Amino acid sequence: MKTIKETITYSYECPKCGKKCTGRPEVSLLDYITLICPDCRIEETLDTLGIISTTAREHIKKTVRIQINCNIQK
């Protein structure tokens, strides 16, 4: 028996950076309530981990975006 997979597409504006986004929002690490874009969640995570090197941050963000297939509109 085949099942139907339901796909929900969200369209929202990130309250932290103001970008128009599609896809699933992430929960902010700062208050565990606010829904933010995946890029802002990555930034919060890197801040929490204490990663300050710009090169390392960009490399990590690029890798994570590939993994989560982020759909942020520019």
PDB file of N, CA and C in Angstrom:
ATOM      1  N   MET A   1       0.836  -1.181   0.000  1.00  0.00           N
ATOM      2  CA  MET A   1       0.000   0.000   0.000  1.00  0.00           C
ATOM      3  C   MET A   1       0.884   1.248   0.000  1.00  0.00           C
ATOM      4  N   LYS A   2       0.647   2.144  -0.933  1.00  0.00           N
ATOM      5  CA  LYS A   2       1.409   3.376  -1.012  1.00  0.00           C
ATOM      6  C   LYS A   2       0.787   4.439  -0.122  1.00  0.00           C
ATOM      7  N   THR A   3       1.643   5.262   0.466  1.00  0.00           N
ATOM      8  CA  THR A   3       1.143   6.370   1.281  1.00  0.00           C
ATOM      9  C   THR A   3       1.463   7.685   0.593  1.00  0.00           C
ATOM     10  N   ILE A   4       0.664   8.671   0.881  1.00  0.00           N
ATOM     11  CA  ILE A   4       0.866   9.991   0.306  1.00  0.00           C
ATOM     12  C   ILE A   4       1.625  10.835   1.321  1.00  0.00           C
ATOM     13  N   LYS A   5       2.728  11.389   0.872  1.00  0.00           N
ATOM     14  CA  LYS A   5       3.505  12.254   1.748  1.00  0.00           C
ATOM     15  C   LYS A   5       3.032  13.689   1.545  1.00  0.00           C
ATOM     16  N   GLU A   6       2.568  14.295   2.611  1.00  0.00           N
ATOM     17  CA  GLU A   6       2.076  15.663   2.541  1.00  0.00           C
ATOM     18  C   GLU A   6       3.247  16.633   2.713  1.00  0.00           C
ATOM     19  N   THR A   7       3.329  17.596   1.831  1.00  0.00           N
ATOM     20  CA  THR A   7       4.386  18.589   1.903  1.00  0.00           C
ATOM     21  C   THR A   7       3.766  19.951   2.176  1.00  0.00           C
ATOM     22  N   ILE A   8       4.253  20.604   3.216  1.00  0.00           N
ATOM     23  CA  ILE A   8       3.787  21.935   3.556  1.00  0.00           C
ATOM     24  C   ILE A   8       4.910  22.915   3.266  1.00  0.00           C
ATOM     25  N   THR A   9       4.612  23.958   2.522  1.00  0.00           N
ATOM     26  CA  THR A   9       5.601  24.975   2.220  1.00  0.00           C
ATOM     27  C   THR A   9       5.275  26.224   3.017  1.00  0.00           C
ATOM     28  N   TYR A  10       6.241  26.691   3.781  1.00  0.00           N
ATOM     29  CA  TYR A  10       6.076  27.903   4.561  1.00  0.00           C
ATOM     30  C   TYR A  10       6.695  29.071   3.812  1.00  0.00           C
ATOM     31  N   SER A  11       6.069  30.220   3.904  1.00  0.00           N
ATOM     32  CA  SER A  11       6.611  31.450   3.362  1.00  0.00           C
ATOM     33  C   SER A  11       6.532  32.470   4.491  1.00  0.00           C
ATOM     34  N   TYR A  12       7.665  33.048   4.860  1.00  0.00           N
ATOM     35  CA  TYR A  12       7.687  33.934   6.012  1.00  0.00           C
ATOM     36  C   TYR A  12       8.838  34.929   5.915  1.00  0.00           C
ATOM     37  N   GLU A  13       8.812  35.939   6.760  1.00  0.00           N
ATOM     38  CA  GLU A  13       9.902  36.898   6.868  1.00  0.00           C
ATOM     39  C   GLU A  13      10.581  36.659   8.205  1.00  0.00           C
ATOM     40  N   CYS A  14      11.883  36.466   8.173  1.00  0.00           N
ATOM     41  CA  CYS A  14      12.642  36.213   9.393  1.00  0.00           C
ATOM     42  C   CYS A  14      12.634  37.480  10.251  1.00  0.00           C
ATOM     43  N   PRO A  15      12.197  37.376  11.519  1.00  0.00           N
ATOM     44  CA  PRO A  15      12.159  38.561  12.369  1.00  0.00           C
ATOM     45  C   PRO A  15      13.550  39.064  12.780  1.00  0.00           C
ATOM     46  N   LYS A  16      14.547  38.217  12.629  1.00  0.00           N
ATOM     47  CA  LYS A  16      15.899  38.593  13.045  1.00  0.00           C
ATOM     48  C   LYS A  16      16.658  39.344  11.944  1.00  0.00           C
ATOM     49  N   CYS A  17      16.588  38.851  10.711  1.00  0.00           N
ATOM     50  CA  CYS A  17      17.356  39.468   9.618  1.00  0.00           C
ATOM     51  C   CYS A  17      16.477  40.149   8.571  1.00  0.00           C
ATOM     52  N   GLY A  18      15.177  39.855   8.575  1.00  0.00           N
ATOM     53  CA  GLY A  18      14.252  40.485   7.641  1.00  0.00           C
ATOM     54  C   GLY A  18      14.176  39.848   6.264  1.00  0.00           C
ATOM     55  N   LYS A  19      14.894  38.740   6.037  1.00  0.00           N
ATOM     56  CA  LYS A  19      14.855  38.073   4.735  1.00  0.00           C
ATOM     57  C   LYS A  19      13.518  37.381   4.510  1.00  0.00           C
ATOM     58  N   LYS A  20      13.081  37.386   3.246  1.00  0.00           N
ATOM     59  CA  LYS A  20      11.908  36.619   2.840  1.00  0.00           C
ATOM     60  C   LYS A  20      12.377  35.183   2.629  1.00  0.00           C
ATOM     61  N   CYS A  21      11.723  34.221   3.262  1.00  0.00           N
ATOM     62  CA  CYS A  21      12.166  32.828   3.223  1.00  0.00           C
ATOM     63  C   CYS A  21      11.030  31.887   2.861  1.00  0.00           C
ATOM     64  N   THR A  22      11.410  30.764   2.317  1.00  0.00           N
ATOM     65  CA  THR A  22      10.471  29.662   2.113  1.00  0.00           C
ATOM     66  C   THR A  22      11.102  28.433   2.738  1.00  0.00           C
ATOM     67  N   GLY A  23      10.290  27.474   3.056  1.00  0.00           N
ATOM     68  CA  GLY A  23      10.802  26.278   3.706  1.00  0.00           C
ATOM     69  C   GLY A  23      10.442  26.285   5.180  1.00  0.00           C
ATOM     70  N   ARG A  24      11.045  25.402   5.908  1.00  0.00           N
ATOM     71  CA  ARG A  24      10.734  25.260   7.326  1.00  0.00           C
ATOM     72  C   ARG A  24      11.567  26.211   8.177  1.00  0.00           C
ATOM     73  N   PRO A  25      10.923  27.011   9.044  1.00  0.00           N
ATOM     74  CA  PRO A  25      11.695  27.887   9.925  1.00  0.00           C
ATOM     75  C   PRO A  25      12.353  27.100  11.055  1.00  0.00           C
ATOM     76  N   GLU A  26      13.317  27.723  11.701  1.00  0.00           N
ATOM     77  CA  GLU A  26      14.034  27.115  12.824  1.00  0.00           C
ATOM     78  C   GLU A  26      13.664  27.852  14.108  1.00  0.00           C
ATOM     79  N   VAL A  27      13.818  27.180  15.234  1.00  0.00           N
ATOM     80  CA  VAL A  27      13.554  27.793  16.533  1.00  0.00           C
ATOM     81  C   VAL A  27      14.830  28.473  17.021  1.00  0.00           C
ATOM     82  N   SER A  28      14.704  29.725  17.468  1.00  0.00           N
ATOM     83  CA  SER A  28      15.851  30.486  17.956  1.00  0.00           C
ATOM     84  C   SER A  28      16.426  29.847  19.214  1.00  0.00           C
ATOM     85  N   LEU A  29      17.750  29.836  19.303  1.00  0.00           N
ATOM     86  CA  LEU A  29      18.427  29.328  20.498  1.00  0.00           C
ATOM     87  C   LEU A  29      18.369  30.323  21.650  1.00  0.00           C
ATOM     88  N   LEU A  30      18.041  31.574  21.342  1.00  0.00           N
ATOM     89  CA  LEU A  30      18.034  32.610  22.370  1.00  0.00           C
ATOM     90  C   LEU A  30      16.828  32.523  23.294  1.00  0.00           C
ATOM     91  N   ASP A  31      15.647  32.208  22.720  1.00  0.00           N
ATOM     92  CA  ASP A  31      14.452  32.143  23.569  1.00  0.00           C
ATOM     93  C   ASP A  31      13.640  30.853  23.391  1.00  0.00           C
ATOM     94  N   TYR A  32      14.034  30.020  22.453  1.00  0.00           N
ATOM     95  CA  TYR A  32      13.351  28.753  22.152  1.00  0.00           C
ATOM     96  C   TYR A  32      11.877  28.945  21.802  1.00  0.00           C
ATOM     97  N   ILE A  33      11.514  30.133  21.324  1.00  0.00           N
ATOM     98  CA  ILE A  33      10.135  30.421  20.930  1.00  0.00           C
ATOM     99  C   ILE A  33      10.076  31.005  19.521  1.00  0.00           C
ATOM    100  N   THR A  34      10.924  31.992  19.269  1.00  0.00           N
ATOM    101  CA  THR A  34      10.913  32.726  18.005  1.00  0.00           C
ATOM    102  C   THR A  34      11.330  31.829  16.849  1.00  0.00           C
ATOM    103  N   LEU A  35      10.560  31.898  15.757  1.00  0.00           N
ATOM    104  CA  LEU A  35      10.894  31.153  14.549  1.00  0.00           C
ATOM    105  C   LEU A  35      11.718  32.050  13.640  1.00  0.00           C
ATOM    106  N   ILE A  36      12.922  31.578  13.278  1.00  0.00           N
ATOM    107  CA  ILE A  36      13.859  32.348  12.465  1.00  0.00           C
ATOM    108  C   ILE A  36      14.288  31.529  11.253  1.00  0.00           C
ATOM    109  N   CYS A  37      14.991  32.184  10.323  1.00  0.00           N
ATOM    110  CA  CYS A  37      15.461  31.480   9.124  1.00  0.00           C
ATOM    111  C   CYS A  37      16.659  30.585   9.474  1.00  0.00           C
ATOM    112  N   PRO A  38      16.915  29.589   8.649  1.00  0.00           N
ATOM    113  CA  PRO A  38      18.043  28.692   8.903  1.00  0.00           C
ATOM    114  C   PRO A  38      19.394  29.415   8.994  1.00  0.00           C
ATOM    115  N   ASP A  39      19.592  30.484   8.200  1.00  0.00           N
ATOM    116  CA  ASP A  39      20.862  31.221   8.268  1.00  0.00           C
ATOM    117  C   ASP A  39      21.066  31.852   9.639  1.00  0.00           C
ATOM    118  N   CYS A  40      20.014  32.442  10.188  1.00  0.00           N
ATOM    119  CA  CYS A  40      20.128  33.051  11.515  1.00  0.00           C
ATOM    120  C   CYS A  40      20.342  31.982  12.586  1.00  0.00           C
ATOM    121  N   ARG A  41      19.729  30.830  12.411  1.00  0.00           N
ATOM    122  CA  ARG A  41      19.934  29.730  13.369  1.00  0.00           C
ATOM    123  C   ARG A  41      21.396  29.265  13.329  1.00  0.00           C
ATOM    124  N   ILE A  42      21.962  29.185  12.134  1.00  0.00           N
ATOM    125  CA  ILE A  42      23.369  28.799  12.005  1.00  0.00           C
ATOM    126  C   ILE A  42      24.246  29.828  12.711  1.00  0.00           C
ATOM    127  N   GLU A  43      23.959  31.122  12.495  1.00  0.00           N
ATOM    128  CA  GLU A  43      24.732  32.186  13.145  1.00  0.00           C
ATOM    129  C   GLU A  43      24.639  32.080  14.665  1.00  0.00           C
ATOM    130  N   GLU A  44      23.435  31.834  15.193  1.00  0.00           N
ATOM    131  CA  GLU A  44      23.268  31.679  16.640  1.00  0.00           C
ATOM    132  C   GLU A  44      24.070  30.493  17.163  1.00  0.00           C
ATOM    133  N   THR A  45      24.056  29.407  16.426  1.00  0.00           N
ATOM    134  CA  THR A  45      24.790  28.208  16.833  1.00  0.00           C
ATOM    135  C   THR A  45      26.294  28.479  16.853  1.00  0.00           C
ATOM    136  N   LEU A  46      26.798  29.127  15.807  1.00  0.00           N
ATOM    137  CA  LEU A  46      28.225  29.442  15.748  1.00  0.00           C
ATOM    138  C   LEU A  46      28.621  30.391  16.877  1.00  0.00           C
ATOM    139  N   ASP A  47      27.755  31.370  17.189  1.00  0.00           N
ATOM    140  CA  ASP A  47      28.019  32.276  18.312  1.00  0.00           C
ATOM    141  C   ASP A  47      28.078  31.499  19.623  1.00  0.00           C
ATOM    142  N   THR A  48      27.137  30.576  19.812  1.00  0.00           N
ATOM    143  CA  THR A  48      27.081  29.766  21.023  1.00  0.00           C
ATOM    144  C   THR A  48      28.339  28.909  21.175  1.00  0.00           C
ATOM    145  N   LEU A  49      28.826  28.393  20.053  1.00  0.00           N
ATOM    146  CA  LEU A  49      30.028  27.560  20.073  1.00  0.00           C
ATOM    147  C   LEU A  49      31.312  28.384  20.194  1.00  0.00           C
ATOM    148  N   GLY A  50      31.198  29.694  20.047  1.00  0.00           N
ATOM    149  CA  GLY A  50      32.367  30.561  20.174  1.00  0.00           C
ATOM    150  C   GLY A  50      33.268  30.575  18.955  1.00  0.00           C
ATOM    151  N   ILE A  51      32.723  30.246  17.798  1.00  0.00           N
ATOM    152  CA  ILE A  51      33.515  30.241  16.562  1.00  0.00           C
ATOM    153  C   ILE A  51      33.538  31.663  16.013  1.00  0.00           C
ATOM    154  N   ILE A  52      34.712  32.292  16.044  1.00  0.00           N
ATOM    155  CA  ILE A  52      34.811  33.688  15.634  1.00  0.00           C
ATOM    156  C   ILE A  52      35.534  33.878  14.299  1.00  0.00           C
ATOM    157  N   SER A  53      36.261  32.890  13.843  1.00  0.00           N
ATOM    158  CA  SER A  53      36.977  32.993  12.573  1.00  0.00           C
ATOM    159  C   SER A  53      35.983  33.113  11.417  1.00  0.00           C
ATOM    160  N   THR A  54      36.104  34.197  10.645  1.00  0.00           N
ATOM    161  CA  THR A  54      35.206  34.424   9.511  1.00  0.00           C
ATOM    162  C   THR A  54      35.313  33.299   8.493  1.00  0.00           C
ATOM    163  N   THR A  55      36.518  32.846   8.224  1.00  0.00           N
ATOM    164  CA  THR A  55      36.726  31.764   7.262  1.00  0.00           C
ATOM    165  C   THR A  55      36.052  30.487   7.729  1.00  0.00           C
ATOM    166  N   ALA A  56      36.224  30.146   8.993  1.00  0.00           N
ATOM    167  CA  ALA A  56      35.604  28.934   9.537  1.00  0.00           C
ATOM    168  C   ALA A  56      34.086  29.050   9.512  1.00  0.00           C
ATOM    169  N   ARG A  57      33.555  30.222   9.870  1.00  0.00           N
ATOM    170  CA  ARG A  57      32.101  30.426   9.882  1.00  0.00           C
ATOM    171  C   ARG A  57      31.520  30.237   8.482  1.00  0.00           C
ATOM    172  N   GLU A  58      32.153  30.843   7.481  1.00  0.00           N
ATOM    173  CA  GLU A  58      31.657  30.726   6.102  1.00  0.00           C
ATOM    174  C   GLU A  58      31.715  29.281   5.613  1.00  0.00           C
ATOM    175  N   HIS A  59      32.785  28.578   5.928  1.00  0.00           N
ATOM    176  CA  HIS A  59      32.911  27.179   5.525  1.00  0.00           C
ATOM    177  C   HIS A  59      31.818  26.327   6.178  1.00  0.00           C
ATOM    178  N   ILE A  60      31.589  26.534   7.455  1.00  0.00           N
ATOM    179  CA  ILE A  60      30.558  25.771   8.178  1.00  0.00           C
ATOM    180  C   ILE A  60      29.178  26.097   7.623  1.00  0.00           C
ATOM    181  N   LYS A  61      28.892  27.388   7.396  1.00  0.00           N
ATOM    182  CA  LYS A  61      27.574  27.778   6.871  1.00  0.00           C
ATOM    183  C   LYS A  61      27.327  27.158   5.499  1.00  0.00           C
ATOM    184  N   LYS A  62      28.337  27.166   4.645  1.00  0.00           N
ATOM    185  CA  LYS A  62      28.199  26.577   3.313  1.00  0.00           C
ATOM    186  C   LYS A  62      27.895  25.085   3.416  1.00  0.00           C
ATOM    187  N   THR A  63      28.603  24.398   4.285  1.00  0.00           N
ATOM    188  CA  THR A  63      28.396  22.963   4.473  1.00  0.00           C
ATOM    189  C   THR A  63      27.000  22.663   5.012  1.00  0.00           C
ATOM    190  N   VAL A  64      26.560  23.434   5.982  1.00  0.00           N
ATOM    191  CA  VAL A  64      25.237  23.219   6.576  1.00  0.00           C
ATOM    192  C   VAL A  64      24.141  23.503   5.568  1.00  0.00           C
ATOM    193  N   ARG A  65      24.294  24.571   4.780  1.00  0.00           N
ATOM    194  CA  ARG A  65      23.276  24.883   3.764  1.00  0.00           C
ATOM    195  C   ARG A  65      23.115  23.745   2.770  1.00  0.00           C
ATOM    196  N   ILE A  66      24.213  23.139   2.385  1.00  0.00           N
ATOM    197  CA  ILE A  66      24.147  22.000   1.464  1.00  0.00           C
ATOM    198  C   ILE A  66      23.377  20.862   2.119  1.00  0.00           C
ATOM    199  N   GLN A  67      23.625  20.622   3.388  1.00  0.00           N
ATOM    200  CA  GLN A  67      22.986  19.515   4.110  1.00  0.00           C
ATOM    201  C   GLN A  67      21.494  19.727   4.291  1.00  0.00           C
ATOM    202  N   ILE A  68      21.067  20.952   4.586  1.00  0.00           N
ATOM    203  CA  ILE A  68      19.645  21.182   4.846  1.00  0.00           C
ATOM    204  C   ILE A  68      18.895  21.685   3.614  1.00  0.00           C
ATOM    205  N   ASN A  69      19.640  21.887   2.525  1.00  0.00           N
ATOM    206  CA  ASN A  69      19.035  22.343   1.270  1.00  0.00           C
ATOM    207  C   ASN A  69      18.186  23.578   1.514  1.00  0.00           C
ATOM    208  N   CYS A  70      18.805  24.586   2.080  1.00  0.00           N
ATOM    209  CA  CYS A  70      18.150  25.840   2.457  1.00  0.00           C
ATOM    210  C   CYS A  70      17.583  26.552   1.224  1.00  0.00           C
ATOM    211  N   ASN A  71      16.348  27.055   1.342  1.00  0.00           N
ATOM    212  CA  ASN A  71      15.682  27.747   0.242  1.00  0.00           C
ATOM    213  C   ASN A  71      15.391  29.199   0.611  1.00  0.00           C
ATOM    214  N   ILE A  72      16.423  29.962   0.851  1.00  0.00           N
ATOM    215  CA  ILE A  72      16.217  31.360   1.211  1.00  0.00           C
ATOM    216  C   ILE A  72      16.211  32.213  -0.045  1.00  0.00           C
ATOM    217  N   GLN A  73      15.184  33.032  -0.174  1.00  0.00           N
ATOM    218  CA  GLN A  73      15.074  33.923  -1.324  1.00  0.00           C
ATOM    219  C   GLN A  73      15.915  35.158  -1.067  1.00  0.00           C
ATOM    220  N   LYS A  74      16.577  35.633  -2.110  1.00  0.00           N
ATOM    221  CA  LYS A  74      17.384  36.857  -1.965  1.00  0.00           C
ATOM    222  C   LYS A  74      16.646  38.032  -2.524  1.00  0.00           C
TER     223      LYS A  74
END
